[in-house]
Each structure stands twice: as structure tokens, then as C-alpha cells.
């Protein structure tokens, strides 16, 4: 689901409705805060888009991004 493009890991997640998308984003926010690694993301209705890279590493993809992507995938699994 994740692709590496333009110096970032990118993915799109779709949910049944806005409430489910927002609940997912809330869980991701807590996970990201715990990892001290915050995504560039957007939400429109039931769709959440991510671009992950590490600003401290010059805006490139690092292990931190892959770890956050893995955590995001695990959270998204609960909404299927």
C-alpha cells in the first residue's frame, strides 16, 4: 500500500465514512506522538492521505518513516 515517491512514503486509506476516518486519524495521532514523528497528512470525508519523511534527515525517507507506516497499517487493519 505504501509507495516511495518524491522523497516520501505515500499511502491513501479509505473508510466507510468521515467518522471512521477521523477515529483512525485520532489513533494515528497518538501513535505518532508516542514516536515523536508526525505525518504530513490530509483528510477529505472518508479518505486519509499520508506523506512520510524525516525532516531532521533532510526530508528523506528513514527507518522512522517505515516504523510509523507499519504502525499506521496496524491501526488501519482494525477498521476493515
PDB file of N, CA and C in Angstrom:
ATOM      1  N   UNK A   1       0.812  -1.187   0.000  1.00  0.00           N
ATOM      2  CA  UNK A   1       0.000   0.000   0.000  1.00  0.00           C
ATOM      3  C   UNK A   1       0.868   1.268   0.000  1.00  0.00           C
ATOM      4  N   UNK A   2       2.008   1.251   0.662  1.00  0.00           N
ATOM      5  CA  UNK A   2       2.902   2.401   0.704  1.00  0.00           C
ATOM      6  C   UNK A   2       3.798   2.395  -0.527  1.00  0.00           C
ATOM      7  N   UNK A   3       4.007   3.586  -1.092  1.00  0.00           N
ATOM      8  CA  UNK A   3       4.947   3.738  -2.198  1.00  0.00           C
ATOM      9  C   UNK A   3       5.927   4.842  -1.832  1.00  0.00           C
ATOM     10  N   UNK A   4       7.139   4.696  -2.323  1.00  0.00           N
ATOM     11  CA  UNK A   4       8.134   5.738  -2.095  1.00  0.00           C
ATOM     12  C   UNK A   4       8.185   6.616  -3.340  1.00  0.00           C
ATOM     13  N   UNK A   5       7.884   7.902  -3.143  1.00  0.00           N
ATOM     14  CA  UNK A   5       7.818   8.847  -4.250  1.00  0.00           C
ATOM     15  C   UNK A   5       8.145  10.244  -3.723  1.00  0.00           C
ATOM     16  N   UNK A   6       8.918  10.990  -4.487  1.00  0.00           N
ATOM     17  CA  UNK A   6       9.246  12.378  -4.128  1.00  0.00           C
ATOM     18  C   UNK A   6       9.800  12.490  -2.700  1.00  0.00           C
ATOM     19  N   UNK A   7      10.746  11.635  -2.367  1.00  0.00           N
ATOM     20  CA  UNK A   7      11.391  11.633  -1.047  1.00  0.00           C
ATOM     21  C   UNK A   7      10.403  11.466   0.104  1.00  0.00           C
ATOM     22  N   UNK A   8       9.361  10.656  -0.115  1.00  0.00           N
ATOM     23  CA  UNK A   8       8.423  10.375   0.968  1.00  0.00           C
ATOM     24  C   UNK A   8       7.752   9.029   0.735  1.00  0.00           C
ATOM     25  N   UNK A   9       7.304   8.440   1.835  1.00  0.00           N
ATOM     26  CA  UNK A   9       6.443   7.261   1.758  1.00  0.00           C
ATOM     27  C   UNK A   9       5.026   7.787   1.657  1.00  0.00           C
ATOM     28  N   UNK A  10       4.261   7.289   0.686  1.00  0.00           N
ATOM     29  CA  UNK A  10       2.915   7.803   0.465  1.00  0.00           C
ATOM     30  C   UNK A  10       1.901   6.660   0.473  1.00  0.00           C
ATOM     31  N   UNK A  11       0.745   6.956   1.043  1.00  0.00           N
ATOM     32  CA  UNK A  11      -0.345   5.977   1.057  1.00  0.00           C
ATOM     33  C   UNK A  11      -1.668   6.702   1.217  1.00  0.00           C
ATOM     34  N   UNK A  12      -2.718   6.046   0.768  1.00  0.00           N
ATOM     35  CA  UNK A  12      -4.083   6.544   0.901  1.00  0.00           C
ATOM     36  C   UNK A  12      -4.930   5.455   1.538  1.00  0.00           C
ATOM     37  N   UNK A  13      -5.733   5.844   2.506  1.00  0.00           N
ATOM     38  CA  UNK A  13      -6.625   4.917   3.201  1.00  0.00           C
ATOM     39  C   UNK A  13      -8.053   5.428   3.064  1.00  0.00           C
ATOM     40  N   UNK A  14      -8.985   4.519   2.761  1.00  0.00           N
ATOM     41  CA  UNK A  14     -10.398   4.887   2.658  1.00  0.00           C
ATOM     42  C   UNK A  14     -11.208   4.115   3.690  1.00  0.00           C
ATOM     43  N   UNK A  15     -12.216   4.789   4.216  1.00  0.00           N
ATOM     44  CA  UNK A  15     -13.052   4.233   5.262  1.00  0.00           C
ATOM     45  C   UNK A  15     -14.520   4.338   4.879  1.00  0.00           C
ATOM     46  N   UNK A  16     -15.375   3.786   5.706  1.00  0.00           N
ATOM     47  CA  UNK A  16     -16.809   3.774   5.401  1.00  0.00           C
ATOM     48  C   UNK A  16     -17.408   5.175   5.406  1.00  0.00           C
ATOM     49  N   UNK A  17     -16.885   6.045   6.272  1.00  0.00           N
ATOM     50  CA  UNK A  17     -17.448   7.389   6.398  1.00  0.00           C
ATOM     51  C   UNK A  17     -16.444   8.312   7.092  1.00  0.00           C
ATOM     52  N   UNK A  18     -16.820   9.549   7.273  1.00  0.00           N
ATOM     53  CA  UNK A  18     -15.948  10.543   7.893  1.00  0.00           C
ATOM     54  C   UNK A  18     -15.638  10.190   9.342  1.00  0.00           C
ATOM     55  N   UNK A  19     -16.624   9.717  10.074  1.00  0.00           N
ATOM     56  CA  UNK A  19     -16.415   9.397  11.485  1.00  0.00           C
ATOM     57  C   UNK A  19     -15.351   8.320  11.649  1.00  0.00           C
ATOM     58  N   UNK A  20     -15.400   7.312  10.810  1.00  0.00           N
ATOM     59  CA  UNK A  20     -14.403   6.247  10.879  1.00  0.00           C
ATOM     60  C   UNK A  20     -13.020   6.775  10.493  1.00  0.00           C
ATOM     61  N   UNK A  21     -12.957   7.608   9.465  1.00  0.00           N
ATOM     62  CA  UNK A  21     -11.682   8.200   9.051  1.00  0.00           C
ATOM     63  C   UNK A  21     -11.100   9.052  10.172  1.00  0.00           C
ATOM     64  N   UNK A  22     -11.949   9.815  10.841  1.00  0.00           N
ATOM     65  CA  UNK A  22     -11.484  10.677  11.920  1.00  0.00           C
ATOM     66  C   UNK A  22     -11.019   9.853  13.127  1.00  0.00           C
ATOM     67  N   UNK A  23     -11.725   8.776  13.432  1.00  0.00           N
ATOM     68  CA  UNK A  23     -11.304   7.898  14.529  1.00  0.00           C
ATOM     69  C   UNK A  23      -9.935   7.297  14.227  1.00  0.00           C
ATOM     70  N   UNK A  24      -9.733   6.861  12.992  1.00  0.00           N
ATOM     71  CA  UNK A  24      -8.429   6.346  12.542  1.00  0.00           C
ATOM     72  C   UNK A  24      -7.355   7.412  12.728  1.00  0.00           C
ATOM     73  N   UNK A  25      -7.637   8.629  12.298  1.00  0.00           N
ATOM     74  CA  UNK A  25      -6.656   9.707  12.420  1.00  0.00           C
ATOM     75  C   UNK A  25      -6.321   9.982  13.886  1.00  0.00           C
ATOM     76  N   UNK A  26      -7.306   9.883  14.742  1.00  0.00           N
ATOM     77  CA  UNK A  26      -7.063  10.104  16.174  1.00  0.00           C
ATOM     78  C   UNK A  26      -6.101   9.057  16.718  1.00  0.00           C
ATOM     79  N   UNK A  27      -6.319   7.801  16.352  1.00  0.00           N
ATOM     80  CA  UNK A  27      -5.408   6.743  16.798  1.00  0.00           C
ATOM     81  C   UNK A  27      -4.007   6.949  16.240  1.00  0.00           C
ATOM     82  N   UNK A  28      -3.921   7.337  14.974  1.00  0.00           N
ATOM     83  CA  UNK A  28      -2.611   7.592  14.362  1.00  0.00           C
ATOM     84  C   UNK A  28      -1.922   8.755  15.077  1.00  0.00           C
ATOM     85  N   UNK A  29      -2.679   9.775  15.443  1.00  0.00           N
ATOM     86  CA  UNK A  29      -2.094  10.928  16.140  1.00  0.00           C
ATOM     87  C   UNK A  29      -1.426  10.495  17.441  1.00  0.00           C
ATOM     88  N   UNK A  30      -2.074   9.632  18.201  1.00  0.00           N
ATOM     89  CA  UNK A  30      -1.486   9.153  19.451  1.00  0.00           C
ATOM     90  C   UNK A  30      -0.233   8.322  19.202  1.00  0.00           C
ATOM     91  N   UNK A  31      -0.273   7.461  18.187  1.00  0.00           N
ATOM     92  CA  UNK A  31       0.896   6.638  17.853  1.00  0.00           C
ATOM     93  C   UNK A  31       2.054   7.511  17.380  1.00  0.00           C
ATOM     94  N   UNK A  32       1.764   8.486  16.528  1.00  0.00           N
ATOM     95  CA  UNK A  32       2.804   9.374  16.011  1.00  0.00           C
ATOM     96  C   UNK A  32       3.429  10.190  17.138  1.00  0.00           C
ATOM     97  N   UNK A  33       2.608  10.687  18.032  1.00  0.00           N
ATOM     98  CA  UNK A  33       3.120  11.471  19.158  1.00  0.00           C
ATOM     99  C   UNK A  33       4.035  10.626  20.036  1.00  0.00           C
ATOM    100  N   UNK A  34       3.634   9.390  20.261  1.00  0.00           N
ATOM    101  CA  UNK A  34       4.444   8.479  21.065  1.00  0.00           C
ATOM    102  C   UNK A  34       5.808   8.242  20.417  1.00  0.00           C
ATOM    103  N   UNK A  35       5.830   8.219  19.077  1.00  0.00           N
ATOM    104  CA  UNK A  35       7.078   8.002  18.337  1.00  0.00           C
ATOM    105  C   UNK A  35       7.819   9.319  18.070  1.00  0.00           C
ATOM    106  N   UNK A  36       7.202  10.442  18.457  1.00  0.00           N
ATOM    107  CA  UNK A  36       7.741  11.771  18.182  1.00  0.00           C
ATOM    108  C   UNK A  36       8.069  11.932  16.697  1.00  0.00           C
ATOM    109  N   UNK A  37       7.126  11.467  15.874  1.00  0.00           N
ATOM    110  CA  UNK A  37       7.300  11.526  14.421  1.00  0.00           C
ATOM    111  C   UNK A  37       5.931  11.801  13.811  1.00  0.00           C
ATOM    112  N   UNK A  38       5.765  12.984  13.265  1.00  0.00           N
ATOM    113  CA  UNK A  38       4.438  13.452  12.896  1.00  0.00           C
ATOM    114  C   UNK A  38       4.250  13.491  11.382  1.00  0.00           C
ATOM    115  N   UNK A  39       3.155  12.917  10.900  1.00  0.00           N
ATOM    116  CA  UNK A  39       2.951  12.793   9.455  1.00  0.00           C
ATOM    117  C   UNK A  39       2.480  14.086   8.800  1.00  0.00           C
ATOM    118  N   UNK A  40       2.758  14.174   7.525  1.00  0.00           N
ATOM    119  CA  UNK A  40       2.118  15.152   6.654  1.00  0.00           C
ATOM    120  C   UNK A  40       0.910  14.396   6.104  1.00  0.00           C
ATOM    121  N   UNK A  41      -0.286  14.829   6.479  1.00  0.00           N
ATOM    122  CA  UNK A  41      -1.475  14.087   6.096  1.00  0.00           C
ATOM    123  C   UNK A  41      -2.625  15.031   5.792  1.00  0.00           C
ATOM    124  N   UNK A  42      -3.609  14.495   5.099  1.00  0.00           N
ATOM    125  CA  UNK A  42      -4.816  15.265   4.813  1.00  0.00           C
ATOM    126  C   UNK A  42      -6.015  14.324   4.840  1.00  0.00           C
ATOM    127  N   UNK A  43      -7.163  14.930   5.058  1.00  0.00           N
ATOM    128  CA  UNK A  43      -8.402  14.157   5.129  1.00  0.00           C
ATOM    129  C   UNK A  43      -9.496  14.890   4.381  1.00  0.00           C
ATOM    130  N   UNK A  44     -10.178  14.170   3.517  1.00  0.00           N
ATOM    131  CA  UNK A  44     -11.400  14.656   2.886  1.00  0.00           C
ATOM    132  C   UNK A  44     -12.418  13.529   3.005  1.00  0.00           C
ATOM    133  N   UNK A  45     -13.484  13.811   3.705  1.00  0.00           N
ATOM    134  CA  UNK A  45     -14.559  12.891   4.011  1.00  0.00           C
ATOM    135  C   UNK A  45     -14.044  11.549   4.523  1.00  0.00           C
ATOM    136  N   UNK A  46     -14.012  10.507   3.696  1.00  0.00           N
ATOM    137  CA  UNK A  46     -13.636   9.168   4.178  1.00  0.00           C
ATOM    138  C   UNK A  46     -12.227   8.769   3.748  1.00  0.00           C
ATOM    139  N   UNK A  47     -11.441   9.707   3.247  1.00  0.00           N
ATOM    140  CA  UNK A  47     -10.128   9.393   2.699  1.00  0.00           C
ATOM    141  C   UNK A  47      -9.034  10.137   3.459  1.00  0.00           C
ATOM    142  N   UNK A  48      -7.984   9.406   3.827  1.00  0.00           N
ATOM    143  CA  UNK A  48      -6.836   9.991   4.519  1.00  0.00           C
ATOM    144  C   UNK A  48      -5.596   9.704   3.683  1.00  0.00           C
ATOM    145  N   UNK A  49      -4.858  10.766   3.335  1.00  0.00           N
ATOM    146  CA  UNK A  49      -3.626  10.656   2.556  1.00  0.00           C
ATOM    147  C   UNK A  49      -2.429  10.983   3.438  1.00  0.00           C
ATOM    148  N   UNK A  50      -1.365  10.208   3.265  1.00  0.00           N
ATOM    149  CA  UNK A  50      -0.139  10.401   4.031  1.00  0.00           C
ATOM    150  C   UNK A  50       1.061  10.624   3.124  1.00  0.00           C
ATOM    151  N   UNK A  51       1.977  11.450   3.610  1.00  0.00           N
ATOM    152  CA  UNK A  51       3.328  11.569   3.057  1.00  0.00           C
ATOM    153  C   UNK A  51       4.261  11.588   4.262  1.00  0.00           C
ATOM    154  N   UNK A  52       5.111  10.594   4.351  1.00  0.00           N
ATOM    155  CA  UNK A  52       6.024  10.488   5.481  1.00  0.00           C
ATOM    156  C   UNK A  52       7.456  10.695   5.016  1.00  0.00           C
ATOM    157  N   UNK A  53       8.164  11.576   5.706  1.00  0.00           N
ATOM    158  CA  UNK A  53       9.610  11.681   5.567  1.00  0.00           C
ATOM    159  C   UNK A  53      10.150  12.285   6.852  1.00  0.00           C
ATOM    160  N   UNK A  54      11.462  12.251   6.991  1.00  0.00           N
ATOM    161  CA  UNK A  54      12.079  12.715   8.225  1.00  0.00           C
ATOM    162  C   UNK A  54      12.751  14.054   7.967  1.00  0.00           C
ATOM    163  N   UNK A  55      12.184  15.096   8.532  1.00  0.00           N
ATOM    164  CA  UNK A  55      12.706  16.446   8.325  1.00  0.00           C
ATOM    165  C   UNK A  55      14.125  16.590   8.872  1.00  0.00           C
ATOM    166  N   UNK A  56      14.400  15.937  10.005  1.00  0.00           N
ATOM    167  CA  UNK A  56      15.738  16.003  10.614  1.00  0.00           C
ATOM    168  C   UNK A  56      16.807  15.371   9.733  1.00  0.00           C
ATOM    169  N   UNK A  57      16.394  14.540   8.791  1.00  0.00           N
ATOM    170  CA  UNK A  57      17.337  13.863   7.895  1.00  0.00           C
ATOM    171  C   UNK A  57      17.304  14.489   6.499  1.00  0.00           C
ATOM    172  N   UNK A  58      16.924  15.752   6.446  1.00  0.00           N
ATOM    173  CA  UNK A  58      16.912  16.444   5.166  1.00  0.00           C
ATOM    174  C   UNK A  58      15.702  16.148   4.301  1.00  0.00           C
ATOM    175  N   UNK A  59      14.617  15.697   4.932  1.00  0.00           N
ATOM    176  CA  UNK A  59      13.397  15.422   4.173  1.00  0.00           C
ATOM    177  C   UNK A  59      13.472  14.149   3.348  1.00  0.00           C
ATOM    178  N   UNK A  60      14.206  13.164   3.852  1.00  0.00           N
ATOM    179  CA  UNK A  60      14.314  11.886   3.163  1.00  0.00           C
ATOM    180  C   UNK A  60      13.574  10.810   3.946  1.00  0.00           C
ATOM    181  N   UNK A  61      13.406   9.672   3.322  1.00  0.00           N
ATOM    182  CA  UNK A  61      12.752   8.536   3.975  1.00  0.00           C
ATOM    183  C   UNK A  61      13.781   7.798   4.825  1.00  0.00           C
ATOM    184  N   UNK A  62      13.434   7.577   6.084  1.00  0.00           N
ATOM    185  CA  UNK A  62      14.322   6.875   7.011  1.00  0.00           C
ATOM    186  C   UNK A  62      13.568   5.723   7.677  1.00  0.00           C
ATOM    187  N   UNK A  63      14.273   5.014   8.530  1.00  0.00           N
ATOM    188  CA  UNK A  63      13.676   3.918   9.285  1.00  0.00           C
ATOM    189  C   UNK A  63      12.504   4.414  10.134  1.00  0.00           C
ATOM    190  N   UNK A  64      12.584   5.644  10.619  1.00  0.00           N
ATOM    191  CA  UNK A  64      11.482   6.208  11.420  1.00  0.00           C
ATOM    192  C   UNK A  64      10.189   6.250  10.611  1.00  0.00           C
ATOM    193  N   UNK A  65      10.304   6.583   9.332  1.00  0.00           N
ATOM    194  CA  UNK A  65       9.120   6.640   8.470  1.00  0.00           C
ATOM    195  C   UNK A  65       8.532   5.250   8.248  1.00  0.00           C
ATOM    196  N   UNK A  66       9.410   4.280   8.047  1.00  0.00           N
ATOM    197  CA  UNK A  66       8.937   2.905   7.850  1.00  0.00           C
ATOM    198  C   UNK A  66       8.261   2.377   9.118  1.00  0.00           C
ATOM    199  N   UNK A  67       8.800   2.735  10.281  1.00  0.00           N
ATOM    200  CA  UNK A  67       8.189   2.307  11.544  1.00  0.00           C
ATOM    201  C   UNK A  67       6.814   2.938  11.728  1.00  0.00           C
ATOM    202  N   UNK A  68       6.693   4.223  11.408  1.00  0.00           N
ATOM    203  CA  UNK A  68       5.390   4.874  11.526  1.00  0.00           C
ATOM    204  C   UNK A  68       4.415   4.299  10.513  1.00  0.00           C
ATOM    205  N   UNK A  69       4.871   4.040   9.299  1.00  0.00           N
ATOM    206  CA  UNK A  69       3.999   3.434   8.279  1.00  0.00           C
ATOM    207  C   UNK A  69       3.474   2.082   8.760  1.00  0.00           C
ATOM    208  N   UNK A  70       4.334   1.301   9.382  1.00  0.00           N
ATOM    209  CA  UNK A  70       3.920  -0.011   9.901  1.00  0.00           C
ATOM    210  C   UNK A  70       2.863   0.155  11.004  1.00  0.00           C
ATOM    211  N   UNK A  71       3.057   1.145  11.866  1.00  0.00           N
ATOM    212  CA  UNK A  71       2.076   1.406  12.926  1.00  0.00           C
ATOM    213  C   UNK A  71       0.749   1.868  12.329  1.00  0.00           C
ATOM    214  N   UNK A  72       0.802   2.706  11.298  1.00  0.00           N
ATOM    215  CA  UNK A  72      -0.415   3.179  10.635  1.00  0.00           C
ATOM    216  C   UNK A  72      -1.151   2.009   9.997  1.00  0.00           C
ATOM    217  N   UNK A  73      -0.428   1.102   9.357  1.00  0.00           N
ATOM    218  CA  UNK A  73      -1.049  -0.087   8.758  1.00  0.00           C
ATOM    219  C   UNK A  73      -1.770  -0.915   9.819  1.00  0.00           C
ATOM    220  N   UNK A  74      -1.116  -1.087  10.971  1.00  0.00           N
ATOM    221  CA  UNK A  74      -1.730  -1.889  12.042  1.00  0.00           C
ATOM    222  C   UNK A  74      -3.011  -1.233  12.542  1.00  0.00           C
ATOM    223  N   UNK A  75      -3.023   0.073  12.660  1.00  0.00           N
ATOM    224  CA  UNK A  75      -4.227   0.773  13.089  1.00  0.00           C
ATOM    225  C   UNK A  75      -5.312   0.629  12.026  1.00  0.00           C
ATOM    226  N   UNK A  76      -4.955   0.791  10.764  1.00  0.00           N
ATOM    227  CA  UNK A  76      -5.937   0.693   9.682  1.00  0.00           C
ATOM    228  C   UNK A  76      -6.582  -0.681   9.627  1.00  0.00           C
ATOM    229  N   UNK A  77      -5.852  -1.725   9.986  1.00  0.00           N
ATOM    230  CA  UNK A  77      -6.402  -3.094   9.973  1.00  0.00           C
ATOM    231  C   UNK A  77      -7.621  -3.208  10.875  1.00  0.00           C
ATOM    232  N   UNK A  78      -7.663  -2.445  11.945  1.00  0.00           N
ATOM    233  CA  UNK A  78      -8.791  -2.518  12.881  1.00  0.00           C
ATOM    234  C   UNK A  78     -10.065  -1.917  12.304  1.00  0.00           C
ATOM    235  N   UNK A  79      -9.955  -1.215  11.203  1.00  0.00           N
ATOM    236  CA  UNK A  79     -11.114  -0.561  10.603  1.00  0.00           C
ATOM    237  C   UNK A  79     -11.647  -1.289   9.376  1.00  0.00           C
ATOM    238  N   UNK A  80     -11.116  -2.471   9.107  1.00  0.00           N
ATOM    239  CA  UNK A  80     -11.599  -3.231   7.945  1.00  0.00           C
ATOM    240  C   UNK A  80     -12.792  -4.069   8.295  1.00  0.00           C
TER     241      UNK A  80
END
